[in-house]
Amino acid sequence: MRDGEVRVFVGLKFGAINDIVTLKRKEMKDNTRKSPEEYAEYGKKLSGKVNVLLLHDSPHIDVEEYRGRIA
């Protein structure tokens, strides 16, 4: 699924956010990266629109490291 895409399966709406969250935009072979802000934007777009959210990366964010970055 593409980022922000919604698909319905057996009556449930699934949404997806791909890639790995990082402050360092370093690209690795076959792995892309998103800033915390990019990740959060997709989350906001899907908020209230899906029953199941599929994530590549963990939604856990170290509060001290990202303080003030995501509203």
PDB file of N, CA and C in Angstrom:
ATOM      1  N   MET A   1       0.843  -1.187   0.000  1.00  0.00           N
ATOM      2  CA  MET A   1       0.000   0.000   0.000  1.00  0.00           C
ATOM      3  C   MET A   1       0.883   1.242   0.000  1.00  0.00           C
ATOM      4  N   ARG A   2       0.395   2.281  -0.639  1.00  0.00           N
ATOM      5  CA  ARG A   2       1.119   3.554  -0.640  1.00  0.00           C
ATOM      6  C   ARG A   2       0.811   4.328   0.644  1.00  0.00           C
ATOM      7  N   ASP A   3       1.683   5.256   0.985  1.00  0.00           N
ATOM      8  CA  ASP A   3       1.468   6.114   2.154  1.00  0.00           C
ATOM      9  C   ASP A   3       0.117   6.818   2.043  1.00  0.00           C
ATOM     10  N   GLY A   4      -0.656   6.740   3.118  1.00  0.00           N
ATOM     11  CA  GLY A   4      -1.931   7.435   3.168  1.00  0.00           C
ATOM     12  C   GLY A   4      -3.062   6.748   2.429  1.00  0.00           C
ATOM     13  N   GLU A   5      -2.766   5.652   1.767  1.00  0.00           N
ATOM     14  CA  GLU A   5      -3.791   4.926   1.026  1.00  0.00           C
ATOM     15  C   GLU A   5      -4.714   4.198   1.998  1.00  0.00           C
ATOM     16  N   VAL A   6      -6.002   4.110   1.647  1.00  0.00           N
ATOM     17  CA  VAL A   6      -6.992   3.387   2.454  1.00  0.00           C
ATOM     18  C   VAL A   6      -7.605   2.308   1.575  1.00  0.00           C
ATOM     19  N   ARG A   7      -7.646   1.087   2.097  1.00  0.00           N
ATOM     20  CA  ARG A   7      -8.292  -0.030   1.406  1.00  0.00           C
ATOM     21  C   ARG A   7      -9.262  -0.699   2.364  1.00  0.00           C
ATOM     22  N   VAL A   8     -10.364  -1.193   1.814  1.00  0.00           N
ATOM     23  CA  VAL A   8     -11.381  -1.875   2.619  1.00  0.00           C
ATOM     24  C   VAL A   8     -11.278  -3.370   2.371  1.00  0.00           C
ATOM     25  N   PHE A   9     -11.232  -4.118   3.463  1.00  0.00           N
ATOM     26  CA  PHE A   9     -11.179  -5.570   3.401  1.00  0.00           C
ATOM     27  C   PHE A   9     -12.087  -6.130   4.479  1.00  0.00           C
ATOM     28  N   VAL A  10     -13.056  -6.908   4.087  1.00  0.00           N
ATOM     29  CA  VAL A  10     -14.032  -7.513   4.984  1.00  0.00           C
ATOM     30  C   VAL A  10     -14.663  -6.448   5.897  1.00  0.00           C
ATOM     31  N   GLY A  11     -14.978  -5.308   5.333  1.00  0.00           N
ATOM     32  CA  GLY A  11     -15.657  -4.260   6.080  1.00  0.00           C
ATOM     33  C   GLY A  11     -14.768  -3.396   6.950  1.00  0.00           C
ATOM     34  N   LEU A  12     -13.487  -3.704   7.037  1.00  0.00           N
ATOM     35  CA  LEU A  12     -12.549  -2.894   7.823  1.00  0.00           C
ATOM     36  C   LEU A  12     -11.728  -2.016   6.892  1.00  0.00           C
ATOM     37  N   LYS A  13     -11.484  -0.783   7.313  1.00  0.00           N
ATOM     38  CA  LYS A  13     -10.669   0.150   6.538  1.00  0.00           C
ATOM     39  C   LYS A  13      -9.232   0.113   7.053  1.00  0.00           C
ATOM     40  N   PHE A  14      -8.302  -0.205   6.141  1.00  0.00           N
ATOM     41  CA  PHE A  14      -6.882  -0.279   6.453  1.00  0.00           C
ATOM     42  C   PHE A  14      -6.167   0.912   5.838  1.00  0.00           C
ATOM     43  N   GLY A  15      -5.274   1.526   6.606  1.00  0.00           N
ATOM     44  CA  GLY A  15      -4.436   2.602   6.107  1.00  0.00           C
ATOM     45  C   GLY A  15      -2.986   2.238   6.340  1.00  0.00           C
ATOM     46  N   ALA A  16      -2.072   2.889   5.581  1.00  0.00           N
ATOM     47  CA  ALA A  16      -0.667   2.523   5.695  1.00  0.00           C
ATOM     48  C   ALA A  16       0.251   3.738   5.696  1.00  0.00           C
ATOM     49  N   ILE A  17       1.328   3.620   6.480  1.00  0.00           N
ATOM     50  CA  ILE A  17       2.429   4.582   6.446  1.00  0.00           C
ATOM     51  C   ILE A  17       3.701   3.743   6.378  1.00  0.00           C
ATOM     52  N   ASN A  18       4.496   3.972   5.340  1.00  0.00           N
ATOM     53  CA  ASN A  18       5.702   3.186   5.097  1.00  0.00           C
ATOM     54  C   ASN A  18       6.954   3.924   5.552  1.00  0.00           C
ATOM     55  N   ASP A  19       8.065   3.262   5.407  1.00  0.00           N
ATOM     56  CA  ASP A  19       9.392   3.804   5.647  1.00  0.00           C
ATOM     57  C   ASP A  19       9.759   3.848   7.123  1.00  0.00           C
ATOM     58  N   ILE A  20      10.948   4.327   7.383  1.00  0.00           N
ATOM     59  CA  ILE A  20      11.510   4.405   8.726  1.00  0.00           C
ATOM     60  C   ILE A  20      11.614   5.869   9.129  1.00  0.00           C
ATOM     61  N   VAL A  21      11.301   6.170  10.374  1.00  0.00           N
ATOM     62  CA  VAL A  21      11.360   7.549  10.873  1.00  0.00           C
ATOM     63  C   VAL A  21      12.763   7.832  11.396  1.00  0.00           C
ATOM     64  N   THR A  22      13.332   8.952  10.984  1.00  0.00           N
ATOM     65  CA  THR A  22      14.655   9.329  11.459  1.00  0.00           C
ATOM     66  C   THR A  22      14.884  10.822  11.283  1.00  0.00           C
ATOM     67  N   LEU A  23      15.722  11.373  12.112  1.00  0.00           N
ATOM     68  CA  LEU A  23      16.118  12.774  11.949  1.00  0.00           C
ATOM     69  C   LEU A  23      17.199  12.885  10.883  1.00  0.00           C
ATOM     70  N   LYS A  24      17.923  11.794  10.654  1.00  0.00           N
ATOM     71  CA  LYS A  24      18.988  11.774   9.652  1.00  0.00           C
ATOM     72  C   LYS A  24      18.400  11.265   8.345  1.00  0.00           C
ATOM     73  N   ARG A  25      18.447  12.060   7.301  1.00  0.00           N
ATOM     74  CA  ARG A  25      17.827  11.709   6.024  1.00  0.00           C
ATOM     75  C   ARG A  25      18.676  10.761   5.186  1.00  0.00           C
ATOM     76  N   LYS A  26      19.649  10.113   5.790  1.00  0.00           N
ATOM     77  CA  LYS A  26      20.519   9.192   5.085  1.00  0.00           C
ATOM     78  C   LYS A  26      19.692   8.062   4.463  1.00  0.00           C
ATOM     79  N   GLU A  27      19.874   7.855   3.178  1.00  0.00           N
ATOM     80  CA  GLU A  27      19.179   6.767   2.485  1.00  0.00           C
ATOM     81  C   GLU A  27      20.030   5.507   2.576  1.00  0.00           C
ATOM     82  N   MET A  28      19.393   4.405   2.832  1.00  0.00           N
ATOM     83  CA  MET A  28      20.088   3.128   2.861  1.00  0.00           C
ATOM     84  C   MET A  28      19.569   2.280   1.713  1.00  0.00           C
ATOM     85  N   LYS A  29      20.361   1.342   1.280  1.00  0.00           N
ATOM     86  CA  LYS A  29      19.979   0.479   0.165  1.00  0.00           C
ATOM     87  C   LYS A  29      18.588  -0.131   0.404  1.00  0.00           C
ATOM     88  N   ASP A  30      17.671   0.136  -0.512  1.00  0.00           N
ATOM     89  CA  ASP A  30      16.306  -0.397  -0.475  1.00  0.00           C
ATOM     90  C   ASP A  30      15.463   0.071   0.715  1.00  0.00           C
ATOM     91  N   ASN A  31      15.942   1.035   1.472  1.00  0.00           N
ATOM     92  CA  ASN A  31      15.164   1.567   2.597  1.00  0.00           C
ATOM     93  C   ASN A  31      15.112   3.084   2.504  1.00  0.00           C
ATOM     94  N   THR A  32      13.925   3.633   2.549  1.00  0.00           N
ATOM     95  CA  THR A  32      13.798   5.084   2.534  1.00  0.00           C
ATOM     96  C   THR A  32      13.535   5.570   3.947  1.00  0.00           C
ATOM     97  N   ARG A  33      13.626   6.837   4.146  1.00  0.00           N
ATOM     98  CA  ARG A  33      13.457   7.448   5.460  1.00  0.00           C
ATOM     99  C   ARG A  33      12.445   8.588   5.389  1.00  0.00           C
ATOM    100  N   LYS A  34      11.768   8.833   6.501  1.00  0.00           N
ATOM    101  CA  LYS A  34      10.856   9.970   6.632  1.00  0.00           C
ATOM    102  C   LYS A  34      11.245  10.739   7.886  1.00  0.00           C
ATOM    103  N   SER A  35      11.057  12.038   7.834  1.00  0.00           N
ATOM    104  CA  SER A  35      11.240  12.832   9.046  1.00  0.00           C
ATOM    105  C   SER A  35      10.040  12.567   9.956  1.00  0.00           C
ATOM    106  N   PRO A  36      10.162  12.843  11.248  1.00  0.00           N
ATOM    107  CA  PRO A  36       9.012  12.676  12.141  1.00  0.00           C
ATOM    108  C   PRO A  36       7.805  13.499  11.670  1.00  0.00           C
ATOM    109  N   GLU A  37       8.075  14.671  11.116  1.00  0.00           N
ATOM    110  CA  GLU A  37       6.986  15.540  10.652  1.00  0.00           C
ATOM    111  C   GLU A  37       6.248  14.921   9.457  1.00  0.00           C
ATOM    112  N   GLU A  38       6.992  14.327   8.525  1.00  0.00           N
ATOM    113  CA  GLU A  38       6.362  13.668   7.373  1.00  0.00           C
ATOM    114  C   GLU A  38       5.496  12.499   7.836  1.00  0.00           C
ATOM    115  N   TYR A  39       6.015  11.713   8.746  1.00  0.00           N
ATOM    116  CA  TYR A  39       5.291  10.567   9.278  1.00  0.00           C
ATOM    117  C   TYR A  39       3.992  11.031   9.945  1.00  0.00           C
ATOM    118  N   ALA A  40       4.099  12.095  10.745  1.00  0.00           N
ATOM    119  CA  ALA A  40       2.930  12.629  11.453  1.00  0.00           C
ATOM    120  C   ALA A  40       1.885  13.172  10.485  1.00  0.00           C
ATOM    121  N   GLU A  41       2.304  13.778   9.385  1.00  0.00           N
ATOM    122  CA  GLU A  41       1.352  14.317   8.402  1.00  0.00           C
ATOM    123  C   GLU A  41       0.486  13.203   7.815  1.00  0.00           C
ATOM    124  N   TYR A  42       1.103  12.086   7.464  1.00  0.00           N
ATOM    125  CA  TYR A  42       0.321  10.957   6.959  1.00  0.00           C
ATOM    126  C   TYR A  42      -0.622  10.437   8.041  1.00  0.00           C
ATOM    127  N   GLY A  43      -0.153  10.397   9.274  1.00  0.00           N
ATOM    128  CA  GLY A  43      -1.008   9.960  10.378  1.00  0.00           C
ATOM    129  C   GLY A  43      -2.218  10.859  10.548  1.00  0.00           C
ATOM    130  N   LYS A  44      -2.015  12.162  10.428  1.00  0.00           N
ATOM    131  CA  LYS A  44      -3.121  13.123  10.538  1.00  0.00           C
ATOM    132  C   LYS A  44      -4.127  12.928   9.410  1.00  0.00           C
ATOM    133  N   LYS A  45      -3.633  12.663   8.194  1.00  0.00           N
ATOM    134  CA  LYS A  45      -4.523  12.455   7.040  1.00  0.00           C
ATOM    135  C   LYS A  45      -5.378  11.200   7.215  1.00  0.00           C
ATOM    136  N   LEU A  46      -4.834  10.190   7.882  1.00  0.00           N
ATOM    137  CA  LEU A  46      -5.566   8.938   8.080  1.00  0.00           C
ATOM    138  C   LEU A  46      -6.408   8.929   9.349  1.00  0.00           C
ATOM    139  N   SER A  47      -6.182   9.881  10.228  1.00  0.00           N
ATOM    140  CA  SER A  47      -6.874   9.924  11.510  1.00  0.00           C
ATOM    141  C   SER A  47      -8.395   9.931  11.339  1.00  0.00           C
ATOM    142  N   GLY A  48      -9.049   8.991  11.984  1.00  0.00           N
ATOM    143  CA  GLY A  48     -10.505   8.895  11.937  1.00  0.00           C
ATOM    144  C   GLY A  48     -11.049   8.257  10.673  1.00  0.00           C
ATOM    145  N   LYS A  49     -10.165   7.861   9.746  1.00  0.00           N
ATOM    146  CA  LYS A  49     -10.604   7.288   8.473  1.00  0.00           C
ATOM    147  C   LYS A  49     -10.359   5.790   8.365  1.00  0.00           C
ATOM    148  N   VAL A  50      -9.612   5.221   9.323  1.00  0.00           N
ATOM    149  CA  VAL A  50      -9.282   3.799   9.233  1.00  0.00           C
ATOM    150  C   VAL A  50      -9.571   3.085  10.549  1.00  0.00           C
ATOM    151  N   ASN A  51      -9.779   1.776  10.433  1.00  0.00           N
ATOM    152  CA  ASN A  51      -9.931   0.927  11.615  1.00  0.00           C
ATOM    153  C   ASN A  51      -8.598   0.313  12.020  1.00  0.00           C
ATOM    154  N   VAL A  52      -7.731   0.089  11.022  1.00  0.00           N
ATOM    155  CA  VAL A  52      -6.436  -0.538  11.258  1.00  0.00           C
ATOM    156  C   VAL A  52      -5.365   0.297  10.560  1.00  0.00           C
ATOM    157  N   LEU A  53      -4.320   0.657  11.300  1.00  0.00           N
ATOM    158  CA  LEU A  53      -3.213   1.419  10.731  1.00  0.00           C
ATOM    159  C   LEU A  53      -1.988   0.519  10.642  1.00  0.00           C
ATOM    160  N   LEU A  54      -1.502   0.328   9.418  1.00  0.00           N
ATOM    161  CA  LEU A  54      -0.325  -0.501   9.172  1.00  0.00           C
ATOM    162  C   LEU A  54       0.898   0.400   9.116  1.00  0.00           C
ATOM    163  N   LEU A  55       1.902   0.089   9.937  1.00  0.00           N
ATOM    164  CA  LEU A  55       3.110   0.904  10.004  1.00  0.00           C
ATOM    165  C   LEU A  55       4.341   0.051   9.749  1.00  0.00           C
ATOM    166  N   HIS A  56       5.307   0.626   9.061  1.00  0.00           N
ATOM    167  CA  HIS A  56       6.585  -0.054   8.899  1.00  0.00           C
ATOM    168  C   HIS A  56       7.415   0.150  10.160  1.00  0.00           C
ATOM    169  N   ASP A  57       7.351   1.353  10.709  1.00  0.00           N
ATOM    170  CA  ASP A  57       8.155   1.717  11.869  1.00  0.00           C
ATOM    171  C   ASP A  57       7.254   1.828  13.095  1.00  0.00           C
ATOM    172  N   SER A  58       7.838   1.760  14.244  1.00  0.00           N
ATOM    173  CA  SER A  58       7.099   1.898  15.490  1.00  0.00           C
ATOM    174  C   SER A  58       6.620   3.335  15.664  1.00  0.00           C
ATOM    175  N   PRO A  59       5.414   3.535  16.197  1.00  0.00           N
ATOM    176  CA  PRO A  59       4.956   4.897  16.452  1.00  0.00           C
ATOM    177  C   PRO A  59       5.605   5.511  17.685  1.00  0.00           C
ATOM    178  N   HIS A  60       6.395   4.729  18.449  1.00  0.00           N
ATOM    179  CA  HIS A  60       7.039   5.259  19.644  1.00  0.00           C
ATOM    180  C   HIS A  60       8.048   6.334  19.271  1.00  0.00           C
ATOM    181  N   ILE A  61       7.976   7.452  19.944  1.00  0.00           N
ATOM    182  CA  ILE A  61       8.917   8.548  19.715  1.00  0.00           C
ATOM    183  C   ILE A  61       9.501   8.951  21.059  1.00  0.00           C
ATOM    184  N   ASP A  62      10.822   9.013  21.126  1.00  0.00           N
ATOM    185  CA  ASP A  62      11.486   9.460  22.334  1.00  0.00           C
ATOM    186  C   ASP A  62      11.124  10.932  22.570  1.00  0.00           C
ATOM    187  N   VAL A  63      10.398  11.202  23.630  1.00  0.00           N
ATOM    188  CA  VAL A  63       9.872  12.534  23.892  1.00  0.00           C
ATOM    189  C   VAL A  63      10.972  13.581  23.956  1.00  0.00           C
ATOM    190  N   GLU A  64      12.052  13.290  24.609  1.00  0.00           N
ATOM    191  CA  GLU A  64      13.123  14.283  24.742  1.00  0.00           C
ATOM    192  C   GLU A  64      13.754  14.612  23.387  1.00  0.00           C
ATOM    193  N   GLU A  65      13.980  13.605  22.565  1.00  0.00           N
ATOM    194  CA  GLU A  65      14.632  13.816  21.274  1.00  0.00           C
ATOM    195  C   GLU A  65      13.768  14.620  20.310  1.00  0.00           C
ATOM    196  N   TYR A  66      12.449  14.400  20.337  1.00  0.00           N
ATOM    197  CA  TYR A  66      11.557  15.009  19.356  1.00  0.00           C
ATOM    198  C   TYR A  66      10.696  16.128  19.934  1.00  0.00           C
ATOM    199  N   ARG A  67      10.943  16.552  21.150  1.00  0.00           N
ATOM    200  CA  ARG A  67      10.123  17.571  21.806  1.00  0.00           C
ATOM    201  C   ARG A  67       9.964  18.799  20.900  1.00  0.00           C
ATOM    202  N   GLY A  68       8.728  19.187  20.648  1.00  0.00           N
ATOM    203  CA  GLY A  68       8.445  20.377  19.862  1.00  0.00           C
ATOM    204  C   GLY A  68       8.442  20.147  18.363  1.00  0.00           C
ATOM    205  N   ARG A  69       8.775  18.957  17.899  1.00  0.00           N
ATOM    206  CA  ARG A  69       8.809  18.684  16.462  1.00  0.00           C
ATOM    207  C   ARG A  69       7.444  18.307  15.908  1.00  0.00           C
ATOM    208  N   ILE A  70       6.643  17.608  16.703  1.00  0.00           N
ATOM    209  CA  ILE A  70       5.330  17.149  16.249  1.00  0.00           C
ATOM    210  C   ILE A  70       4.266  17.746  17.156  1.00  0.00           C
ATOM    211  N   ALA A  71       3.307  18.411  16.544  1.00  0.00           N
ATOM    212  CA  ALA A  71       2.226  19.022  17.332  1.00  0.00           C
ATOM    213  C   ALA A  71       1.109  18.032  17.522  1.00  0.00           C
TER     214      ALA A  71
END
